[in-house]
Amino acid sequence: MDLHIAIDEASGRILAMSDPPARRLDVTFDVAEDALQISVQGDSPLKSGAEFLNAWSKLILDSVAEDLHELLDTGMAGVRFVVKRGEPA
């Protein structure tokens, strides 16, 4: 469930904060033994002067993921984070 929440929040921010609106989202998963590193990036630049991750989005992502980084160096809105695997039941 944490993975779903994190990807949903990241995707929603990309769609809301890109101009023109993103038409494609690239989601990549790097699998490790105990975690997933996920990157979500749109195909449109961030709106001029826009704050990509606002305080609410950061709070949501920080509560379900670790090692949160905004990916803005390409001029496109994006984010990278880690979701740890839980102990098997």
Protein backbone atom coordinates (compact mmCIF):
# COMPACT_ATOMS: atom_id res chain seq x y z
CA MET A 1 0.00 0.00 0.00
CA ASP A 2 2.85 2.44 0.75
CA LEU A 3 4.19 2.00 -2.77
CA HIS A 4 0.78 2.80 -4.26
CA ILE A 5 0.43 5.96 -2.16
CA ALA A 6 3.93 7.17 -3.03
CA ILE A 7 3.58 6.63 -6.79
CA ASP A 8 0.11 8.19 -6.78
CA GLU A 9 1.31 11.32 -4.95
CA ALA A 10 4.40 11.73 -7.14
CA SER A 11 2.38 11.23 -10.34
CA GLY A 12 -0.32 13.67 -9.23
CA ARG A 13 2.24 16.39 -8.50
CA ILE A 14 3.94 15.89 -11.86
CA LEU A 15 0.63 16.14 -13.71
CA ALA A 16 -0.45 19.21 -11.70
CA MET A 17 2.84 21.12 -11.80
CA SER A 18 4.10 20.63 -15.36
CA ASP A 19 3.42 23.07 -18.18
CA PRO A 20 2.32 22.03 -20.67
CA PRO A 21 0.67 19.17 -18.76
CA ALA A 22 2.72 15.99 -18.91
CA ARG A 23 1.47 13.51 -21.48
CA ARG A 24 3.68 10.65 -20.32
CA LEU A 25 5.04 9.48 -16.98
CA ASP A 26 8.14 7.31 -16.81
CA VAL A 27 8.24 5.09 -13.74
CA THR A 28 11.37 3.03 -13.11
CA PHE A 29 11.93 0.43 -10.42
CA ASP A 30 15.38 -0.61 -9.20
CA VAL A 31 14.97 -3.78 -7.18
CA ALA A 32 17.24 -4.55 -4.23
CA GLU A 33 16.99 -7.35 -1.71
CA ASP A 34 15.29 -5.26 0.96
CA ALA A 35 13.93 -2.23 -0.92
CA LEU A 36 12.72 -0.69 -4.16
CA GLN A 37 14.10 2.56 -5.51
CA ILE A 38 11.45 4.23 -7.63
CA SER A 39 11.78 7.18 -9.99
CA VAL A 40 8.76 8.95 -11.45
CA GLN A 41 9.34 11.61 -14.10
CA GLY A 42 7.11 13.48 -16.52
CA ASP A 43 7.83 14.54 -20.08
CA SER A 44 7.07 18.26 -19.58
CA PRO A 45 8.93 21.01 -17.73
CA LEU A 46 7.90 22.33 -14.36
CA LYS A 47 5.67 25.43 -14.42
CA SER A 48 7.68 28.63 -14.20
CA GLY A 49 8.17 29.59 -10.54
CA ALA A 50 6.24 26.54 -9.32
CA GLU A 51 7.10 24.58 -6.21
CA PHE A 52 7.11 20.95 -7.34
CA LEU A 53 6.71 19.22 -3.97
CA ASN A 54 4.77 21.37 -1.55
CA ALA A 55 4.82 20.77 2.22
CA TRP A 56 1.79 18.45 2.08
CA SER A 57 3.28 16.30 -0.69
CA LYS A 58 6.60 16.07 1.14
CA LEU A 59 4.78 14.99 4.30
CA ILE A 60 2.89 12.27 2.42
CA LEU A 61 5.98 10.97 0.62
CA ASP A 62 8.20 11.14 3.71
CA SER A 63 5.62 9.13 5.68
CA VAL A 64 5.56 6.21 3.21
CA ALA A 65 9.01 6.36 1.58
CA GLU A 66 12.64 7.09 2.39
CA ASP A 67 15.50 8.94 0.72
CA LEU A 68 13.23 11.40 -1.12
CA HIS A 69 14.85 13.49 -3.88
CA GLU A 70 13.32 15.85 -6.39
CA LEU A 71 14.62 15.29 -9.93
CA LEU A 72 14.55 18.71 -11.52
CA ASP A 73 18.02 18.87 -13.10
CA THR A 74 16.69 17.95 -16.57
CA GLY A 75 14.07 20.71 -16.42
CA MET A 76 11.34 18.07 -16.17
CA ALA A 77 9.35 17.46 -12.99
CA GLY A 78 10.26 14.21 -11.24
CA VAL A 79 11.02 12.49 -7.96
CA ARG A 80 13.04 9.51 -6.68
CA PHE A 81 12.43 7.64 -3.42
CA VAL A 82 12.94 4.28 -1.68
CA VAL A 83 10.30 1.97 -0.27
CA LYS A 84 11.61 -0.70 2.12
CA ARG A 85 10.21 -4.21 2.08
CA GLY A 86 8.42 -5.34 5.21
CA GLU A 87 9.04 -8.57 7.04
CA PRO A 88 7.17 -11.53 5.55
CA ALA A 89 4.04 -12.51 7.47
